[in-house]
Amino acid sequence: MTEFDRKVEEASARINRSVANIAGTLEKETAELVTYLNDEVVPAVRTHSSKALRTAAGKLAKFADFLETQRKNS
């Protein structure tokens, strides 16, 4: 084996280790992100969505009352 071939193999091994480390880190970080989204973000969005819908429903009810009042006064 020539010196060049040995260096290429060593470089290839280092790259393979680096890629394996990065892949492992990405898998771990992705799992943590999914857990965070499921545990924190989704419930918050559901809560705020519910509040927004309730607010909109209240405003629509007031608007319906306004329309009925306008129709009665016409």
PDB file of N, CA and C in Angstrom:
ATOM      1  N   MET A   1       0.852  -1.168   0.000  1.00  0.00           N
ATOM      2  CA  MET A   1       0.000   0.000   0.000  1.00  0.00           C
ATOM      3  C   MET A   1       0.902   1.237   0.000  1.00  0.00           C
ATOM      4  N   THR A   2       0.570   2.152  -0.862  1.00  0.00           N
ATOM      5  CA  THR A   2       1.381   3.355  -0.970  1.00  0.00           C
ATOM      6  C   THR A   2       0.980   4.354   0.112  1.00  0.00           C
ATOM      7  N   GLU A   3       1.822   5.312   0.315  1.00  0.00           N
ATOM      8  CA  GLU A   3       1.561   6.366   1.292  1.00  0.00           C
ATOM      9  C   GLU A   3       0.284   7.120   0.938  1.00  0.00           C
ATOM     10  N   PHE A   4       0.087   7.355  -0.345  1.00  0.00           N
ATOM     11  CA  PHE A   4      -1.104   8.062  -0.804  1.00  0.00           C
ATOM     12  C   PHE A   4      -2.359   7.261  -0.472  1.00  0.00           C
ATOM     13  N   ASP A   5      -2.341   5.960  -0.742  1.00  0.00           N
ATOM     14  CA  ASP A   5      -3.504   5.116  -0.456  1.00  0.00           C
ATOM     15  C   ASP A   5      -3.822   5.101   1.039  1.00  0.00           C
ATOM     16  N   ARG A   6      -2.778   5.051   1.863  1.00  0.00           N
ATOM     17  CA  ARG A   6      -2.977   5.052   3.309  1.00  0.00           C
ATOM     18  C   ARG A   6      -3.626   6.362   3.752  1.00  0.00           C
ATOM     19  N   LYS A   7      -3.158   7.480   3.219  1.00  0.00           N
ATOM     20  CA  LYS A   7      -3.728   8.783   3.580  1.00  0.00           C
ATOM     21  C   LYS A   7      -5.176   8.903   3.130  1.00  0.00           C
ATOM     22  N   VAL A   8      -5.463   8.370   1.951  1.00  0.00           N
ATOM     23  CA  VAL A   8      -6.840   8.394   1.450  1.00  0.00           C
ATOM     24  C   VAL A   8      -7.740   7.567   2.364  1.00  0.00           C
ATOM     25  N   GLU A   9      -7.270   6.404   2.779  1.00  0.00           N
ATOM     26  CA  GLU A   9      -8.068   5.556   3.676  1.00  0.00           C
ATOM     27  C   GLU A   9      -8.278   6.225   5.027  1.00  0.00           C
ATOM     28  N   GLU A  10      -7.244   6.866   5.559  1.00  0.00           N
ATOM     29  CA  GLU A  10      -7.377   7.569   6.832  1.00  0.00           C
ATOM     30  C   GLU A  10      -8.367   8.726   6.715  1.00  0.00           C
ATOM     31  N   ALA A  11      -8.266   9.478   5.636  1.00  0.00           N
ATOM     32  CA  ALA A  11      -9.198  10.591   5.419  1.00  0.00           C
ATOM     33  C   ALA A  11     -10.617  10.071   5.267  1.00  0.00           C
ATOM     34  N   SER A  12     -10.770   8.981   4.542  1.00  0.00           N
ATOM     35  CA  SER A  12     -12.086   8.381   4.352  1.00  0.00           C
ATOM     36  C   SER A  12     -12.658   7.911   5.692  1.00  0.00           C
ATOM     37  N   ALA A  13     -11.824   7.311   6.528  1.00  0.00           N
ATOM     38  CA  ALA A  13     -12.282   6.850   7.840  1.00  0.00           C
ATOM     39  C   ALA A  13     -12.704   8.036   8.707  1.00  0.00           C
ATOM     40  N   ARG A  14     -11.925   9.125   8.674  1.00  0.00           N
ATOM     41  CA  ARG A  14     -12.292  10.321   9.452  1.00  0.00           C
ATOM     42  C   ARG A  14     -13.622  10.894   8.971  1.00  0.00           C
ATOM     43  N   ILE A  15     -13.806  10.948   7.669  1.00  0.00           N
ATOM     44  CA  ILE A  15     -15.064  11.471   7.115  1.00  0.00           C
ATOM     45  C   ILE A  15     -16.223  10.574   7.522  1.00  0.00           C
ATOM     46  N   ASN A  16     -16.020   9.275   7.439  1.00  0.00           N
ATOM     47  CA  ASN A  16     -17.089   8.342   7.832  1.00  0.00           C
ATOM     48  C   ASN A  16     -17.469   8.522   9.301  1.00  0.00           C
ATOM     49  N   ARG A  17     -16.455   8.698  10.177  1.00  0.00           N
ATOM     50  CA  ARG A  17     -16.743   8.930  11.603  1.00  0.00           C
ATOM     51  C   ARG A  17     -17.492  10.248  11.785  1.00  0.00           C
ATOM     52  N   SER A  18     -17.073  11.271  11.062  1.00  0.00           N
ATOM     53  CA  SER A  18     -17.740  12.570  11.169  1.00  0.00           C
ATOM     54  C   SER A  18     -19.190  12.483  10.711  1.00  0.00           C
ATOM     55  N   VAL A  19     -19.415  11.824   9.603  1.00  0.00           N
ATOM     56  CA  VAL A  19     -20.779  11.673   9.091  1.00  0.00           C
ATOM     57  C   VAL A  19     -21.625  10.868  10.073  1.00  0.00           C
ATOM     58  N   ALA A  20     -21.058   9.815  10.640  1.00  0.00           N
ATOM     59  CA  ALA A  20     -21.791   8.997  11.611  1.00  0.00           C
ATOM     60  C   ALA A  20     -22.138   9.835  12.846  1.00  0.00           C
ATOM     61  N   ASN A  21     -21.192  10.651  13.309  1.00  0.00           N
ATOM     62  CA  ASN A  21     -21.465  11.511  14.470  1.00  0.00           C
ATOM     63  C   ASN A  21     -22.552  12.530  14.158  1.00  0.00           C
ATOM     64  N   ILE A  22     -22.465  13.133  12.994  1.00  0.00           N
ATOM     65  CA  ILE A  22     -23.474  14.120  12.596  1.00  0.00           C
ATOM     66  C   ILE A  22     -24.843  13.463  12.473  1.00  0.00           C
ATOM     67  N   ALA A  23     -24.894  12.277  11.875  1.00  0.00           N
ATOM     68  CA  ALA A  23     -26.171  11.573  11.727  1.00  0.00           C
ATOM     69  C   ALA A  23     -26.768  11.250  13.096  1.00  0.00           C
ATOM     70  N   GLY A  24     -25.933  10.807  14.013  1.00  0.00           N
ATOM     71  CA  GLY A  24     -26.422  10.518  15.361  1.00  0.00           C
ATOM     72  C   GLY A  24     -26.952  11.758  16.055  1.00  0.00           C
ATOM     73  N   THR A  25     -26.230  12.853  15.918  1.00  0.00           N
ATOM     74  CA  THR A  25     -26.670  14.117  16.513  1.00  0.00           C
ATOM     75  C   THR A  25     -27.984  14.581  15.895  1.00  0.00           C
ATOM     76  N   LEU A  26     -28.093  14.468  14.578  1.00  0.00           N
ATOM     77  CA  LEU A  26     -29.336  14.868  13.905  1.00  0.00           C
ATOM     78  C   LEU A  26     -30.516  14.023  14.370  1.00  0.00           C
ATOM     79  N   GLU A  27     -30.309  12.734  14.522  1.00  0.00           N
ATOM     80  CA  GLU A  27     -31.394  11.866  14.991  1.00  0.00           C
ATOM     81  C   GLU A  27     -31.834  12.263  16.392  1.00  0.00           C
ATOM     82  N   LYS A  28     -30.863  12.529  17.264  1.00  0.00           N
ATOM     83  CA  LYS A  28     -31.180  12.924  18.637  1.00  0.00           C
ATOM     84  C   LYS A  28     -31.902  14.263  18.659  1.00  0.00           C
ATOM     85  N   GLU A  29     -31.387  15.245  17.930  1.00  0.00           N
ATOM     86  CA  GLU A  29     -31.995  16.571  17.909  1.00  0.00           C
ATOM     87  C   GLU A  29     -33.390  16.534  17.306  1.00  0.00           C
ATOM     88  N   THR A  30     -33.569  15.728  16.268  1.00  0.00           N
ATOM     89  CA  THR A  30     -34.887  15.612  15.632  1.00  0.00           C
ATOM     90  C   THR A  30     -35.892  15.019  16.605  1.00  0.00           C
ATOM     91  N   ALA A  31     -35.483  13.988  17.342  1.00  0.00           N
ATOM     92  CA  ALA A  31     -36.377  13.385  18.333  1.00  0.00           C
ATOM     93  C   ALA A  31     -36.743  14.398  19.412  1.00  0.00           C
ATOM     94  N   GLU A  32     -35.770  15.200  19.858  1.00  0.00           N
ATOM     95  CA  GLU A  32     -36.056  16.222  20.861  1.00  0.00           C
ATOM     96  C   GLU A  32     -36.994  17.295  20.311  1.00  0.00           C
ATOM     97  N   LEU A  33     -36.812  17.663  19.046  1.00  0.00           N
ATOM     98  CA  LEU A  33     -37.684  18.666  18.426  1.00  0.00           C
ATOM     99  C   LEU A  33     -39.118  18.155  18.340  1.00  0.00           C
ATOM    100  N   VAL A  34     -39.284  16.911  17.923  1.00  0.00           N
ATOM    101  CA  VAL A  34     -40.628  16.336  17.816  1.00  0.00           C
ATOM    102  C   VAL A  34     -41.292  16.288  19.193  1.00  0.00           C
ATOM    103  N   THR A  35     -40.531  15.898  20.200  1.00  0.00           N
ATOM    104  CA  THR A  35     -41.069  15.865  21.559  1.00  0.00           C
ATOM    105  C   THR A  35     -41.485  17.259  22.008  1.00  0.00           C
ATOM    106  N   TYR A  36     -40.651  18.252  21.747  1.00  0.00           N
ATOM    107  CA  TYR A  36     -40.970  19.638  22.120  1.00  0.00           C
ATOM    108  C   TYR A  36     -42.239  20.108  21.406  1.00  0.00           C
ATOM    109  N   LEU A  37     -42.318  19.842  20.114  1.00  0.00           N
ATOM    110  CA  LEU A  37     -43.504  20.256  19.359  1.00  0.00           C
ATOM    111  C   LEU A  37     -44.759  19.611  19.929  1.00  0.00           C
ATOM    112  N   ASN A  38     -44.680  18.312  20.197  1.00  0.00           N
ATOM    113  CA  ASN A  38     -45.853  17.602  20.712  1.00  0.00           C
ATOM    114  C   ASN A  38     -46.230  18.043  22.123  1.00  0.00           C
ATOM    115  N   ASP A  39     -45.223  18.295  22.970  1.00  0.00           N
ATOM    116  CA  ASP A  39     -45.494  18.606  24.369  1.00  0.00           C
ATOM    117  C   ASP A  39     -45.775  20.078  24.635  1.00  0.00           C
ATOM    118  N   GLU A  40     -45.195  20.969  23.847  1.00  0.00           N
ATOM    119  CA  GLU A  40     -45.302  22.396  24.136  1.00  0.00           C
ATOM    120  C   GLU A  40     -46.080  23.176  23.072  1.00  0.00           C
ATOM    121  N   VAL A  41     -45.709  23.012  21.827  1.00  0.00           N
ATOM    122  CA  VAL A  41     -46.268  23.849  20.765  1.00  0.00           C
ATOM    123  C   VAL A  41     -47.710  23.462  20.438  1.00  0.00           C
ATOM    124  N   VAL A  42     -47.957  22.181  20.244  1.00  0.00           N
ATOM    125  CA  VAL A  42     -49.307  21.747  19.849  1.00  0.00           C
ATOM    126  C   VAL A  42     -50.348  22.139  20.898  1.00  0.00           C
ATOM    127  N   PRO A  43     -50.107  21.874  22.190  1.00  0.00           N
ATOM    128  CA  PRO A  43     -51.117  22.309  23.172  1.00  0.00           C
ATOM    129  C   PRO A  43     -51.318  23.828  23.190  1.00  0.00           C
ATOM    130  N   ALA A  44     -50.238  24.585  23.040  1.00  0.00           N
ATOM    131  CA  ALA A  44     -50.372  26.048  23.034  1.00  0.00           C
ATOM    132  C   ALA A  44     -51.200  26.510  21.842  1.00  0.00           C
ATOM    133  N   VAL A  45     -50.950  25.929  20.681  1.00  0.00           N
ATOM    134  CA  VAL A  45     -51.714  26.307  19.486  1.00  0.00           C
ATOM    135  C   VAL A  45     -53.181  25.952  19.668  1.00  0.00           C
ATOM    136  N   ARG A  46     -53.437  24.785  20.236  1.00  0.00           N
ATOM    137  CA  ARG A  46     -54.832  24.394  20.459  1.00  0.00           C
ATOM    138  C   ARG A  46     -55.521  25.349  21.426  1.00  0.00           C
ATOM    139  N   THR A  47     -54.827  25.728  22.480  1.00  0.00           N
ATOM    140  CA  THR A  47     -55.408  26.650  23.456  1.00  0.00           C
ATOM    141  C   THR A  47     -55.711  27.994  22.818  1.00  0.00           C
ATOM    142  N   HIS A  48     -54.735  28.535  22.112  1.00  0.00           N
ATOM    143  CA  HIS A  48     -54.938  29.848  21.504  1.00  0.00           C
ATOM    144  C   HIS A  48     -55.958  29.787  20.373  1.00  0.00           C
ATOM    145  N   SER A  49     -56.003  28.681  19.662  1.00  0.00           N
ATOM    146  CA  SER A  49     -57.001  28.536  18.602  1.00  0.00           C
ATOM    147  C   SER A  49     -58.401  28.523  19.194  1.00  0.00           C
ATOM    148  N   SER A  50     -58.559  27.825  20.313  1.00  0.00           N
ATOM    149  CA  SER A  50     -59.861  27.771  20.978  1.00  0.00           C
ATOM    150  C   SER A  50     -60.287  29.167  21.417  1.00  0.00           C
ATOM    151  N   LYS A  51     -59.355  29.912  21.993  1.00  0.00           N
ATOM    152  CA  LYS A  51     -59.684  31.275  22.440  1.00  0.00           C
ATOM    153  C   LYS A  51     -60.057  32.149  21.254  1.00  0.00           C
ATOM    154  N   ALA A  52     -59.318  32.015  20.167  1.00  0.00           N
ATOM    155  CA  ALA A  52     -59.621  32.819  18.977  1.00  0.00           C
ATOM    156  C   ALA A  52     -61.002  32.476  18.428  1.00  0.00           C
ATOM    157  N   LEU A  53     -61.334  31.202  18.394  1.00  0.00           N
ATOM    158  CA  LEU A  53     -62.655  30.802  17.905  1.00  0.00           C
ATOM    159  C   LEU A  53     -63.760  31.322  18.817  1.00  0.00           C
ATOM    160  N   ARG A  54     -63.529  31.278  20.128  1.00  0.00           N
ATOM    161  CA  ARG A  54     -64.541  31.800  21.054  1.00  0.00           C
ATOM    162  C   ARG A  54     -64.727  33.309  20.872  1.00  0.00           C
ATOM    163  N   THR A  55     -63.645  34.022  20.689  1.00  0.00           N
ATOM    164  CA  THR A  55     -63.724  35.458  20.456  1.00  0.00           C
ATOM    165  C   THR A  55     -64.473  35.751  19.163  1.00  0.00           C
ATOM    166  N   ALA A  56     -64.128  35.018  18.117  1.00  0.00           N
ATOM    167  CA  ALA A  56     -64.806  35.212  16.830  1.00  0.00           C
ATOM    168  C   ALA A  56     -66.295  34.890  16.955  1.00  0.00           C
ATOM    169  N   ALA A  57     -66.620  33.830  17.675  1.00  0.00           N
ATOM    170  CA  ALA A  57     -68.030  33.468  17.854  1.00  0.00           C
ATOM    171  C   ALA A  57     -68.786  34.576  18.579  1.00  0.00           C
ATOM    172  N   GLY A  58     -68.168  35.161  19.590  1.00  0.00           N
ATOM    173  CA  GLY A  58     -68.806  36.267  20.311  1.00  0.00           C
ATOM    174  C   GLY A  58     -69.036  37.460  19.412  1.00  0.00           C
ATOM    175  N   LYS A  59     -68.049  37.801  18.615  1.00  0.00           N
ATOM    176  CA  LYS A  59     -68.187  38.944  17.707  1.00  0.00           C
ATOM    177  C   LYS A  59     -69.239  38.664  16.634  1.00  0.00           C
ATOM    178  N   LEU A  60     -69.286  37.444  16.131  1.00  0.00           N
ATOM    179  CA  LEU A  60     -70.313  37.094  15.140  1.00  0.00           C
ATOM    180  C   LEU A  60     -71.705  37.163  15.757  1.00  0.00           C
ATOM    181  N   ALA A  61     -71.844  36.746  17.005  1.00  0.00           N
ATOM    182  CA  ALA A  61     -73.145  36.838  17.673  1.00  0.00           C
ATOM    183  C   ALA A  61     -73.575  38.296  17.806  1.00  0.00           C
ATOM    184  N   LYS A  62     -72.627  39.165  18.189  1.00  0.00           N
ATOM    185  CA  LYS A  62     -72.942  40.591  18.294  1.00  0.00           C
ATOM    186  C   LYS A  62     -73.320  41.165  16.933  1.00  0.00           C
ATOM    187  N   PHE A  63     -72.625  40.736  15.878  1.00  0.00           N
ATOM    188  CA  PHE A  63     -72.931  41.214  14.533  1.00  0.00           C
ATOM    189  C   PHE A  63     -74.315  40.745  14.101  1.00  0.00           C
ATOM    190  N   ALA A  64     -74.659  39.505  14.432  1.00  0.00           N
ATOM    191  CA  ALA A  64     -75.990  38.991  14.107  1.00  0.00           C
ATOM    192  C   ALA A  64     -77.057  39.802  14.836  1.00  0.00           C
ATOM    193  N   ASP A  65     -76.800  40.127  16.099  1.00  0.00           N
ATOM    194  CA  ASP A  65     -77.743  40.964  16.846  1.00  0.00           C
ATOM    195  C   ASP A  65     -77.898  42.332  16.185  1.00  0.00           C
ATOM    196  N   PHE A  66     -76.796  42.901  15.758  1.00  0.00           N
ATOM    197  CA  PHE A  66     -76.817  44.198  15.078  1.00  0.00           C
ATOM    198  C   PHE A  66     -77.653  44.122  13.804  1.00  0.00           C
ATOM    199  N   LEU A  67     -77.437  43.064  13.008  1.00  0.00           N
ATOM    200  CA  LEU A  67     -78.201  42.915  11.765  1.00  0.00           C
ATOM    201  C   LEU A  67     -79.693  42.768  12.035  1.00  0.00           C
ATOM    202  N   GLU A  68     -80.034  42.004  13.069  1.00  0.00           N
ATOM    203  CA  GLU A  68     -81.459  41.855  13.398  1.00  0.00           C
ATOM    204  C   GLU A  68     -82.062  43.193  13.851  1.00  0.00           C
ATOM    205  N   THR A  69     -81.317  43.951  14.620  1.00  0.00           N
ATOM    206  CA  THR A  69     -81.782  45.265  15.068  1.00  0.00           C
ATOM    207  C   THR A  69     -81.986  46.191  13.874  1.00  0.00           C
ATOM    208  N   GLN A  70     -81.058  46.170  12.935  1.00  0.00           N
ATOM    209  CA  GLN A  70     -81.177  47.013  11.742  1.00  0.00           C
ATOM    210  C   GLN A  70     -82.380  46.616  10.917  1.00  0.00           C
ATOM    211  N   ARG A  71     -82.630  45.329  10.809  1.00  0.00           N
ATOM    212  CA  ARG A  71     -83.781  44.846  10.024  1.00  0.00           C
ATOM    213  C   ARG A  71     -85.080  45.260  10.689  1.00  0.00           C
ATOM    214  N   LYS A  72     -85.146  45.204  12.022  1.00  0.00           N
ATOM    215  CA  LYS A  72     -86.370  45.579  12.753  1.00  0.00           C
ATOM    216  C   LYS A  72     -86.618  47.072  12.651  1.00  0.00           C
ATOM    217  N   ASN A  73     -85.556  47.871  12.604  1.00  0.00           N
ATOM    218  CA  ASN A  73     -85.708  49.325  12.536  1.00  0.00           C
ATOM    219  C   ASN A  73     -85.979  49.824  11.114  1.00  0.00           C
ATOM    220  N   SER A  74     -85.865  48.979  10.138  1.00  0.00           N
ATOM    221  CA  SER A  74     -86.068  49.404   8.744  1.00  0.00           C
ATOM    222  C   SER A  74     -87.521  49.384   8.358  1.00  0.00           C
TER     223      SER A  74
END
